[in-house]
């Protein structure tokens, strides 16, 4: 569990999202980059509307102004919050491997997934993740089982596409 590995408490930015956050974030990053014991991590997950592609994640970690590592990989047929959670998890795994890493600052656009990443009920998730990453299965032509969230997402996008097509039809 992260809270056991790092003695500083976990903190989440609670700034008002309607305010201009740029100056605040610039100061935060400048301060973090000046600390040689801090690793910064930028994360993102991506789920395309097309049923032909798997979700993907990206993680880039920095120490100071130096990029240490970057990775992107598939996340399977999952929802956007799941892809974001996988990206955060990947970034933290990369960060803790770095020498002299005492602080990790994660930048994400998914606060729900960030909170989920440090939920104590997930404390053995790392071991399960390590175990499952050994299994590599391509998306093929045969019918596959999908999560209920992924099926719900597909149905929603299908309806939205249908409505969009219908409303663009001049005869409607």
N, C-alpha and C. Protein backbone atom coordinates (compact mmCIF):
# COMPACT_ATOMS: atom_id res chain seq x y z
N UNK A 1 0.84 -1.17 0.00
CA UNK A 1 0.00 0.00 0.00
C UNK A 1 0.89 1.24 0.00
N UNK A 2 0.53 2.22 -0.78
CA UNK A 2 1.35 3.43 -0.90
C UNK A 2 1.55 4.13 0.43
N UNK A 3 0.50 4.22 1.24
CA UNK A 3 0.64 4.94 2.51
C UNK A 3 1.63 4.25 3.44
N UNK A 4 1.84 2.95 3.27
CA UNK A 4 2.84 2.24 4.08
C UNK A 4 4.25 2.49 3.57
N UNK A 5 4.39 2.67 2.25
CA UNK A 5 5.71 2.89 1.66
C UNK A 5 6.22 4.31 1.86
N UNK A 6 5.32 5.28 1.83
CA UNK A 6 5.71 6.68 1.90
C UNK A 6 5.16 7.29 3.17
N UNK A 7 6.05 7.91 3.97
CA UNK A 7 5.62 8.40 5.27
C UNK A 7 4.75 9.66 5.18
N UNK A 8 4.90 10.45 4.13
CA UNK A 8 4.04 11.63 3.99
C UNK A 8 2.63 11.18 3.67
N UNK A 9 1.65 11.91 4.19
CA UNK A 9 0.27 11.52 3.90
C UNK A 9 -0.08 11.78 2.43
N UNK A 10 -1.07 11.07 1.99
CA UNK A 10 -1.58 11.29 0.64
C UNK A 10 -2.44 12.53 0.65
N UNK A 11 -2.30 13.37 -0.37
CA UNK A 11 -3.08 14.60 -0.46
C UNK A 11 -3.66 14.71 -1.85
N UNK A 12 -4.87 15.25 -1.91
CA UNK A 12 -5.55 15.49 -3.18
C UNK A 12 -5.79 16.98 -3.31
N UNK A 13 -5.57 17.50 -4.50
CA UNK A 13 -5.79 18.92 -4.76
C UNK A 13 -7.28 19.21 -4.69
N UNK A 14 -7.64 20.19 -3.90
CA UNK A 14 -9.05 20.52 -3.72
C UNK A 14 -9.37 21.92 -4.28
N UNK A 15 -8.57 22.39 -5.20
CA UNK A 15 -8.79 23.72 -5.76
C UNK A 15 -10.10 23.76 -6.54
N UNK A 16 -10.70 24.94 -6.59
CA UNK A 16 -11.95 25.14 -7.32
C UNK A 16 -11.67 25.03 -8.81
N UNK A 17 -12.30 24.04 -9.50
CA UNK A 17 -12.02 23.84 -10.93
C UNK A 17 -12.52 24.97 -11.82
N UNK A 18 -13.37 25.85 -11.31
CA UNK A 18 -13.85 26.97 -12.13
C UNK A 18 -12.86 28.12 -12.17
N UNK A 19 -11.89 28.12 -11.25
CA UNK A 19 -10.88 29.18 -11.23
C UNK A 19 -9.75 28.85 -12.19
N UNK A 20 -9.01 29.88 -12.60
CA UNK A 20 -7.83 29.66 -13.44
C UNK A 20 -6.77 28.96 -12.60
N UNK A 21 -6.52 27.71 -12.91
CA UNK A 21 -5.60 26.89 -12.13
C UNK A 21 -4.17 26.96 -12.63
N UNK A 22 -3.96 27.53 -13.79
CA UNK A 22 -2.63 27.51 -14.40
C UNK A 22 -1.53 28.09 -13.51
N UNK A 23 -1.70 29.30 -12.94
CA UNK A 23 -0.63 29.84 -12.08
C UNK A 23 -0.35 28.94 -10.87
N UNK A 24 -1.40 28.42 -10.26
CA UNK A 24 -1.24 27.53 -9.11
C UNK A 24 -0.48 26.26 -9.51
N UNK A 25 -0.87 25.63 -10.61
CA UNK A 25 -0.21 24.40 -11.05
C UNK A 25 1.24 24.66 -11.46
N UNK A 26 1.50 25.80 -12.10
CA UNK A 26 2.88 26.15 -12.48
C UNK A 26 3.76 26.26 -11.23
N UNK A 27 3.26 26.91 -10.17
CA UNK A 27 4.03 27.03 -8.92
C UNK A 27 4.24 25.65 -8.29
N UNK A 28 3.21 24.83 -8.31
CA UNK A 28 3.28 23.48 -7.74
C UNK A 28 4.34 22.64 -8.45
N UNK A 29 4.34 22.69 -9.77
CA UNK A 29 5.31 21.92 -10.55
C UNK A 29 6.73 22.46 -10.34
N UNK A 30 6.88 23.78 -10.30
CA UNK A 30 8.20 24.38 -10.08
C UNK A 30 8.77 23.94 -8.73
N UNK A 31 7.94 23.96 -7.70
CA UNK A 31 8.37 23.53 -6.37
C UNK A 31 8.75 22.06 -6.37
N UNK A 32 7.92 21.23 -7.00
CA UNK A 32 8.19 19.79 -7.05
C UNK A 32 9.47 19.49 -7.83
N UNK A 33 9.68 20.20 -8.93
CA UNK A 33 10.89 19.96 -9.74
C UNK A 33 12.16 20.37 -9.01
N UNK A 34 12.05 21.30 -8.08
CA UNK A 34 13.22 21.76 -7.32
C UNK A 34 13.61 20.76 -6.24
N UNK A 35 12.73 19.84 -5.91
CA UNK A 35 13.02 18.85 -4.87
C UNK A 35 13.58 17.58 -5.52
N UNK A 36 14.84 17.24 -5.25
CA UNK A 36 15.46 16.07 -5.89
C UNK A 36 14.88 14.73 -5.42
N UNK A 37 14.04 14.75 -4.40
CA UNK A 37 13.43 13.52 -3.88
C UNK A 37 12.01 13.31 -4.40
N UNK A 38 11.57 14.20 -5.29
CA UNK A 38 10.20 14.13 -5.82
C UNK A 38 10.19 13.64 -7.25
N UNK A 39 9.31 12.71 -7.53
CA UNK A 39 9.07 12.23 -8.89
C UNK A 39 7.69 12.72 -9.31
N UNK A 40 7.61 13.36 -10.46
CA UNK A 40 6.34 13.81 -11.01
C UNK A 40 5.85 12.78 -12.02
N UNK A 41 4.56 12.55 -12.03
CA UNK A 41 3.98 11.58 -12.95
C UNK A 41 2.78 12.21 -13.66
N UNK A 42 2.79 12.16 -14.98
CA UNK A 42 1.65 12.62 -15.77
C UNK A 42 0.97 11.38 -16.34
N UNK A 43 -0.35 11.31 -16.18
CA UNK A 43 -1.08 10.10 -16.58
C UNK A 43 -2.31 10.45 -17.40
N UNK A 44 -2.71 9.50 -18.23
CA UNK A 44 -3.98 9.64 -18.94
C UNK A 44 -4.41 8.29 -19.47
N UNK A 45 -5.70 8.11 -19.57
CA UNK A 45 -6.29 6.91 -20.15
C UNK A 45 -7.14 7.34 -21.33
N UNK A 46 -7.31 6.47 -22.29
CA UNK A 46 -8.08 6.81 -23.49
C UNK A 46 -8.94 5.63 -23.90
N UNK A 47 -10.23 5.91 -24.06
CA UNK A 47 -11.16 4.90 -24.56
C UNK A 47 -11.82 5.47 -25.80
N UNK A 48 -11.56 4.85 -26.94
CA UNK A 48 -12.14 5.31 -28.20
C UNK A 48 -13.58 4.85 -28.32
N UNK A 49 -14.36 5.59 -29.06
CA UNK A 49 -15.77 5.25 -29.24
C UNK A 49 -15.93 3.99 -30.09
N UNK A 50 -14.94 3.71 -30.90
CA UNK A 50 -15.02 2.56 -31.80
C UNK A 50 -14.89 1.26 -31.02
N UNK A 51 -15.65 0.29 -31.42
CA UNK A 51 -15.63 -1.02 -30.80
C UNK A 51 -14.44 -1.86 -31.26
N UNK A 52 -13.68 -1.34 -32.22
CA UNK A 52 -12.57 -2.09 -32.81
C UNK A 52 -11.28 -1.96 -32.02
N UNK A 53 -11.22 -1.05 -31.05
CA UNK A 53 -9.97 -0.77 -30.36
C UNK A 53 -10.11 -0.97 -28.86
N UNK A 54 -9.01 -1.39 -28.25
CA UNK A 54 -8.96 -1.50 -26.80
C UNK A 54 -8.65 -0.13 -26.20
N UNK A 55 -8.95 0.02 -24.93
CA UNK A 55 -8.58 1.24 -24.21
C UNK A 55 -7.05 1.26 -24.07
N UNK A 56 -6.50 2.45 -23.89
CA UNK A 56 -5.06 2.59 -23.75
C UNK A 56 -4.74 3.51 -22.58
N UNK A 57 -3.50 3.44 -22.12
CA UNK A 57 -3.06 4.30 -21.04
C UNK A 57 -1.68 4.84 -21.34
N UNK A 58 -1.37 5.98 -20.74
CA UNK A 58 -0.04 6.57 -20.87
C UNK A 58 0.43 7.06 -19.50
N UNK A 59 1.72 6.92 -19.26
CA UNK A 59 2.33 7.43 -18.03
C UNK A 59 3.72 7.95 -18.38
N UNK A 60 4.01 9.15 -17.91
CA UNK A 60 5.33 9.76 -18.12
C UNK A 60 5.80 10.24 -16.75
N UNK A 61 7.03 9.87 -16.38
CA UNK A 61 7.55 10.32 -15.09
C UNK A 61 8.80 11.18 -15.27
N UNK A 62 8.94 12.14 -14.36
CA UNK A 62 10.02 13.12 -14.41
C UNK A 62 10.64 13.26 -13.03
N UNK A 63 11.92 13.62 -13.03
CA UNK A 63 12.60 14.09 -11.83
C UNK A 63 13.25 15.39 -12.23
N UNK A 64 12.90 16.46 -11.55
CA UNK A 64 13.35 17.77 -11.99
C UNK A 64 12.77 18.04 -13.37
N UNK A 65 13.63 18.49 -14.30
CA UNK A 65 13.17 18.73 -15.67
C UNK A 65 13.52 17.57 -16.59
N UNK A 66 14.03 16.49 -16.02
CA UNK A 66 14.48 15.35 -16.80
C UNK A 66 13.39 14.28 -16.87
N UNK A 67 13.03 13.91 -18.09
CA UNK A 67 12.08 12.81 -18.25
C UNK A 67 12.81 11.50 -17.98
N UNK A 68 12.28 10.72 -17.04
CA UNK A 68 12.91 9.45 -16.68
C UNK A 68 12.41 8.29 -17.51
N UNK A 69 11.11 8.27 -17.72
CA UNK A 69 10.52 7.13 -18.42
C UNK A 69 9.14 7.50 -18.91
N UNK A 70 8.75 6.87 -20.02
CA UNK A 70 7.39 7.02 -20.52
C UNK A 70 6.94 5.68 -21.07
N UNK A 71 5.65 5.44 -20.93
CA UNK A 71 5.11 4.19 -21.44
C UNK A 71 3.67 4.41 -21.86
N UNK A 72 3.26 3.64 -22.84
CA UNK A 72 1.84 3.57 -23.18
C UNK A 72 1.55 2.11 -23.50
N UNK A 73 0.38 1.66 -23.12
CA UNK A 73 0.02 0.28 -23.38
C UNK A 73 -1.50 0.12 -23.38
N UNK A 74 -1.95 -1.02 -23.84
CA UNK A 74 -3.38 -1.27 -23.90
C UNK A 74 -3.88 -1.61 -22.50
N UNK A 75 -5.16 -1.30 -22.29
CA UNK A 75 -5.78 -1.53 -21.00
C UNK A 75 -6.95 -2.50 -21.11
N UNK A 76 -7.20 -2.98 -22.32
CA UNK A 76 -8.29 -3.93 -22.53
C UNK A 76 -9.60 -3.24 -22.88
N UNK A 77 -10.68 -3.98 -22.75
CA UNK A 77 -12.01 -3.43 -23.01
C UNK A 77 -12.59 -2.98 -21.68
N UNK A 78 -12.26 -1.76 -21.31
CA UNK A 78 -12.65 -1.21 -20.02
C UNK A 78 -13.25 0.17 -20.21
N UNK A 79 -13.82 0.70 -19.15
CA UNK A 79 -14.37 2.05 -19.20
C UNK A 79 -13.25 3.07 -19.01
N UNK A 80 -13.55 4.34 -19.28
CA UNK A 80 -12.55 5.40 -19.13
C UNK A 80 -12.00 5.49 -17.70
N UNK A 81 -12.83 5.43 -16.65
CA UNK A 81 -12.26 5.47 -15.29
C UNK A 81 -11.30 4.31 -15.01
N UNK A 82 -11.60 3.13 -15.57
CA UNK A 82 -10.69 1.99 -15.40
C UNK A 82 -9.36 2.25 -16.10
N UNK A 83 -9.40 2.81 -17.31
CA UNK A 83 -8.17 3.13 -18.03
C UNK A 83 -7.36 4.18 -17.28
N UNK A 84 -8.05 5.18 -16.70
CA UNK A 84 -7.37 6.21 -15.91
C UNK A 84 -6.72 5.59 -14.67
N UNK A 85 -7.44 4.69 -14.00
CA UNK A 85 -6.90 4.01 -12.82
C UNK A 85 -5.67 3.19 -13.19
N UNK A 86 -5.72 2.50 -14.32
CA UNK A 86 -4.57 1.72 -14.77
C UNK A 86 -3.38 2.63 -15.08
N UNK A 87 -3.63 3.81 -15.63
CA UNK A 87 -2.55 4.76 -15.93
C UNK A 87 -1.89 5.25 -14.64
N UNK A 88 -2.71 5.57 -13.64
CA UNK A 88 -2.17 6.03 -12.36
C UNK A 88 -1.34 4.92 -11.72
N UNK A 89 -1.87 3.72 -11.73
CA UNK A 89 -1.16 2.57 -11.17
C UNK A 89 0.18 2.35 -11.86
N UNK A 90 0.19 2.44 -13.17
CA UNK A 90 1.42 2.27 -13.95
C UNK A 90 2.44 3.34 -13.59
N UNK A 91 1.99 4.60 -13.48
CA UNK A 91 2.90 5.70 -13.16
C UNK A 91 3.52 5.52 -11.78
N UNK A 92 2.71 5.11 -10.82
CA UNK A 92 3.23 4.92 -9.47
C UNK A 92 4.24 3.78 -9.43
N UNK A 93 3.96 2.70 -10.16
CA UNK A 93 4.93 1.59 -10.23
C UNK A 93 6.26 2.06 -10.81
N UNK A 94 6.20 2.89 -11.85
CA UNK A 94 7.44 3.42 -12.44
C UNK A 94 8.15 4.35 -11.47
N UNK A 95 7.39 5.17 -10.76
CA UNK A 95 7.99 6.15 -9.85
C UNK A 95 8.70 5.49 -8.67
N UNK A 96 8.08 4.48 -8.07
CA UNK A 96 8.69 3.88 -6.89
C UNK A 96 9.98 3.12 -7.21
N UNK A 97 10.21 2.81 -8.47
CA UNK A 97 11.45 2.14 -8.88
C UNK A 97 12.64 3.11 -8.95
N UNK A 98 12.36 4.41 -8.93
CA UNK A 98 13.42 5.40 -9.11
C UNK A 98 14.22 5.57 -7.81
N UNK A 99 15.52 5.76 -7.95
CA UNK A 99 16.39 5.98 -6.79
C UNK A 99 16.00 7.28 -6.09
N UNK A 100 16.08 7.28 -4.78
CA UNK A 100 15.81 8.46 -3.96
C UNK A 100 14.43 9.05 -4.17
N UNK A 101 13.45 8.22 -4.42
CA UNK A 101 12.08 8.70 -4.58
C UNK A 101 11.39 8.68 -3.22
N UNK A 102 11.15 9.87 -2.67
CA UNK A 102 10.46 9.96 -1.38
C UNK A 102 9.10 10.61 -1.51
N UNK A 103 8.85 11.28 -2.63
CA UNK A 103 7.57 11.93 -2.87
C UNK A 103 7.16 11.64 -4.32
N UNK A 104 5.90 11.37 -4.51
CA UNK A 104 5.37 11.18 -5.86
C UNK A 104 4.21 12.15 -6.04
N UNK A 105 4.26 12.91 -7.11
CA UNK A 105 3.17 13.84 -7.43
C UNK A 105 2.55 13.37 -8.74
N UNK A 106 1.28 12.96 -8.70
CA UNK A 106 0.60 12.44 -9.87
C UNK A 106 -0.35 13.49 -10.42
N UNK A 107 -0.26 13.74 -11.72
CA UNK A 107 -1.17 14.66 -12.40
C UNK A 107 -2.11 13.84 -13.26
N UNK A 108 -3.42 13.96 -12.98
CA UNK A 108 -4.44 13.20 -13.69
C UNK A 108 -5.66 14.08 -13.88
N UNK A 109 -6.47 13.76 -14.87
CA UNK A 109 -7.73 14.47 -15.04
C UNK A 109 -8.90 13.64 -14.54
N UNK A 110 -8.62 12.64 -13.73
CA UNK A 110 -9.65 11.76 -13.19
C UNK A 110 -9.48 11.61 -11.69
N UNK A 111 -10.07 12.53 -10.93
CA UNK A 111 -9.93 12.49 -9.48
C UNK A 111 -10.62 11.26 -8.88
N UNK A 112 -11.70 10.81 -9.49
CA UNK A 112 -12.37 9.60 -9.00
C UNK A 112 -11.43 8.41 -9.06
N UNK A 113 -10.71 8.27 -10.16
CA UNK A 113 -9.75 7.17 -10.30
C UNK A 113 -8.57 7.35 -9.35
N UNK A 114 -8.17 8.60 -9.11
CA UNK A 114 -7.06 8.85 -8.17
C UNK A 114 -7.46 8.41 -6.76
N UNK A 115 -8.67 8.71 -6.36
CA UNK A 115 -9.14 8.27 -5.04
C UNK A 115 -9.23 6.75 -4.98
N UNK A 116 -9.69 6.15 -6.06
CA UNK A 116 -9.78 4.69 -6.13
C UNK A 116 -8.40 4.04 -6.04
N UNK A 117 -7.39 4.71 -6.59
CA UNK A 117 -6.03 4.16 -6.61
C UNK A 117 -5.46 3.97 -5.22
N UNK A 118 -5.91 4.75 -4.26
CA UNK A 118 -5.38 4.65 -2.90
C UNK A 118 -6.42 4.12 -1.92
N UNK A 119 -7.50 3.57 -2.42
CA UNK A 119 -8.53 2.97 -1.59
C UNK A 119 -7.95 1.74 -0.91
N UNK A 120 -7.99 1.66 0.43
CA UNK A 120 -7.37 0.53 1.12
C UNK A 120 -7.96 -0.83 0.74
N UNK A 121 -9.17 -0.86 0.23
CA UNK A 121 -9.75 -2.15 -0.15
C UNK A 121 -9.04 -2.74 -1.37
N UNK A 122 -8.15 -1.95 -1.99
CA UNK A 122 -7.38 -2.42 -3.14
C UNK A 122 -5.97 -2.81 -2.74
N UNK A 123 -5.72 -3.06 -1.47
CA UNK A 123 -4.34 -3.21 -1.01
C UNK A 123 -3.60 -4.39 -1.63
N UNK A 124 -4.30 -5.43 -2.08
CA UNK A 124 -3.61 -6.55 -2.71
C UNK A 124 -3.73 -6.49 -4.23
N UNK A 125 -4.25 -5.38 -4.72
CA UNK A 125 -4.43 -5.21 -6.15
C UNK A 125 -3.11 -5.31 -6.90
N UNK A 126 -2.04 -4.77 -6.33
CA UNK A 126 -0.74 -4.80 -6.99
C UNK A 126 -0.29 -6.21 -7.33
N UNK A 127 -0.49 -7.13 -6.40
CA UNK A 127 -0.10 -8.51 -6.64
C UNK A 127 -0.94 -9.13 -7.75
N UNK A 128 -2.25 -8.87 -7.71
CA UNK A 128 -3.13 -9.40 -8.76
C UNK A 128 -2.76 -8.79 -10.11
N UNK A 129 -2.43 -7.49 -10.11
CA UNK A 129 -2.05 -6.84 -11.37
C UNK A 129 -0.77 -7.48 -11.93
N UNK A 130 0.20 -7.70 -11.08
CA UNK A 130 1.45 -8.32 -11.52
C UNK A 130 1.18 -9.70 -12.13
N UNK A 131 0.32 -10.45 -11.49
CA UNK A 131 -0.02 -11.79 -11.96
C UNK A 131 -0.74 -11.75 -13.31
N UNK A 132 -1.72 -10.86 -13.45
CA UNK A 132 -2.52 -10.84 -14.68
C UNK A 132 -1.75 -10.25 -15.86
N UNK A 133 -0.77 -9.40 -15.62
CA UNK A 133 -0.04 -8.82 -16.74
C UNK A 133 0.80 -9.85 -17.49
N UNK A 134 0.93 -11.03 -16.92
CA UNK A 134 1.62 -12.10 -17.63
C UNK A 134 0.77 -12.69 -18.75
N UNK A 135 -0.54 -12.49 -18.68
CA UNK A 135 -1.47 -13.00 -19.69
C UNK A 135 -1.65 -11.97 -20.79
N UNK A 136 -1.37 -12.34 -22.02
CA UNK A 136 -1.49 -11.45 -23.17
C UNK A 136 -2.47 -12.07 -24.17
N UNK A 137 -3.62 -11.40 -24.39
CA UNK A 137 -4.64 -11.92 -25.29
C UNK A 137 -5.06 -10.81 -26.24
N UNK A 138 -4.93 -11.06 -27.53
CA UNK A 138 -5.35 -10.10 -28.55
C UNK A 138 -6.87 -10.11 -28.71
N UNK A 139 -7.41 -8.97 -29.10
CA UNK A 139 -8.82 -8.91 -29.46
C UNK A 139 -8.93 -9.57 -30.82
N UNK A 140 -9.76 -10.59 -30.92
CA UNK A 140 -9.88 -11.33 -32.17
C UNK A 140 -11.22 -11.09 -32.84
N UNK A 141 -11.54 -11.96 -33.79
CA UNK A 141 -12.78 -11.83 -34.55
C UNK A 141 -13.96 -12.52 -33.86
N UNK A 142 -13.67 -13.40 -32.91
CA UNK A 142 -14.77 -14.12 -32.27
C UNK A 142 -15.42 -13.24 -31.19
N UNK A 143 -16.63 -13.60 -30.82
CA UNK A 143 -17.37 -12.84 -29.82
C UNK A 143 -16.66 -12.95 -28.48
N UNK A 144 -16.55 -11.83 -27.77
CA UNK A 144 -15.85 -11.79 -26.49
C UNK A 144 -16.81 -11.38 -25.39
N UNK A 145 -16.51 -11.80 -24.16
CA UNK A 145 -17.24 -11.32 -23.00
C UNK A 145 -16.77 -9.91 -22.70
N UNK A 146 -17.69 -9.04 -22.35
CA UNK A 146 -17.37 -7.65 -22.02
C UNK A 146 -17.93 -7.33 -20.64
N UNK A 147 -17.35 -6.35 -19.98
CA UNK A 147 -17.88 -5.93 -18.68
C UNK A 147 -19.23 -5.26 -18.90
N UNK A 148 -20.05 -5.24 -17.87
CA UNK A 148 -21.36 -4.59 -17.98
C UNK A 148 -21.18 -3.10 -18.25
N UNK A 149 -20.14 -2.50 -17.66
CA UNK A 149 -19.86 -1.08 -17.93
C UNK A 149 -19.49 -0.86 -19.39
N UNK A 150 -18.67 -1.76 -19.94
CA UNK A 150 -18.27 -1.62 -21.34
C UNK A 150 -19.48 -1.81 -22.26
N UNK A 151 -20.34 -2.76 -21.94
CA UNK A 151 -21.55 -2.97 -22.74
C UNK A 151 -22.50 -1.78 -22.63
N UNK A 152 -22.64 -1.24 -21.44
CA UNK A 152 -23.48 -0.06 -21.24
C UNK A 152 -22.93 1.12 -22.04
N UNK A 153 -21.61 1.28 -22.01
CA UNK A 153 -20.97 2.35 -22.77
C UNK A 153 -21.20 2.18 -24.27
N UNK A 154 -21.06 0.94 -24.76
CA UNK A 154 -21.29 0.66 -26.18
C UNK A 154 -22.73 1.00 -26.56
N UNK A 155 -23.69 0.60 -25.72
CA UNK A 155 -25.10 0.86 -26.00
C UNK A 155 -25.38 2.36 -26.03
N UNK A 156 -24.81 3.08 -25.09
CA UNK A 156 -25.00 4.54 -25.04
C UNK A 156 -24.45 5.20 -26.29
N UNK A 157 -23.24 4.83 -26.69
CA UNK A 157 -22.63 5.41 -27.88
C UNK A 157 -23.42 5.04 -29.14
N UNK A 158 -23.94 3.83 -29.19
CA UNK A 158 -24.75 3.40 -30.33
C UNK A 158 -26.01 4.25 -30.45
N UNK A 159 -26.67 4.50 -29.33
CA UNK A 159 -27.88 5.33 -29.34
C UNK A 159 -27.54 6.76 -29.74
N UNK A 160 -26.45 7.30 -29.19
CA UNK A 160 -26.04 8.67 -29.54
C UNK A 160 -25.71 8.78 -31.03
N UNK A 161 -25.02 7.78 -31.57
CA UNK A 161 -24.72 7.78 -33.01
C UNK A 161 -26.00 7.73 -33.83
N UNK A 162 -26.95 6.91 -33.40
CA UNK A 162 -28.22 6.79 -34.10
C UNK A 162 -28.99 8.10 -34.08
N UNK A 163 -29.04 8.73 -32.92
CA UNK A 163 -29.73 10.02 -32.80
C UNK A 163 -29.06 11.07 -33.68
N UNK A 164 -27.73 11.09 -33.65
CA UNK A 164 -27.00 12.05 -34.46
C UNK A 164 -27.30 11.86 -35.94
N UNK A 165 -27.30 10.63 -36.40
CA UNK A 165 -27.61 10.34 -37.80
C UNK A 165 -29.04 10.74 -38.15
N UNK A 166 -29.96 10.43 -37.24
CA UNK A 166 -31.37 10.73 -37.49
C UNK A 166 -31.59 12.24 -37.59
N UNK A 167 -30.99 12.99 -36.67
CA UNK A 167 -31.19 14.44 -36.66
C UNK A 167 -30.50 15.15 -37.81
N UNK A 168 -29.51 14.49 -38.42
CA UNK A 168 -28.84 15.09 -39.59
C UNK A 168 -29.59 14.76 -40.89
N UNK A 169 -30.51 13.83 -40.83
CA UNK A 169 -31.29 13.45 -42.00
C UNK A 169 -32.31 14.54 -42.29
N UNK A 170 -32.23 15.21 -43.44
CA UNK A 170 -33.14 16.33 -43.74
C UNK A 170 -34.60 15.89 -43.86
N UNK A 171 -34.85 14.62 -44.10
CA UNK A 171 -36.23 14.16 -44.22
C UNK A 171 -36.86 13.91 -42.85
N UNK A 172 -36.10 13.94 -41.80
CA UNK A 172 -36.64 13.67 -40.46
C UNK A 172 -37.39 14.86 -39.93
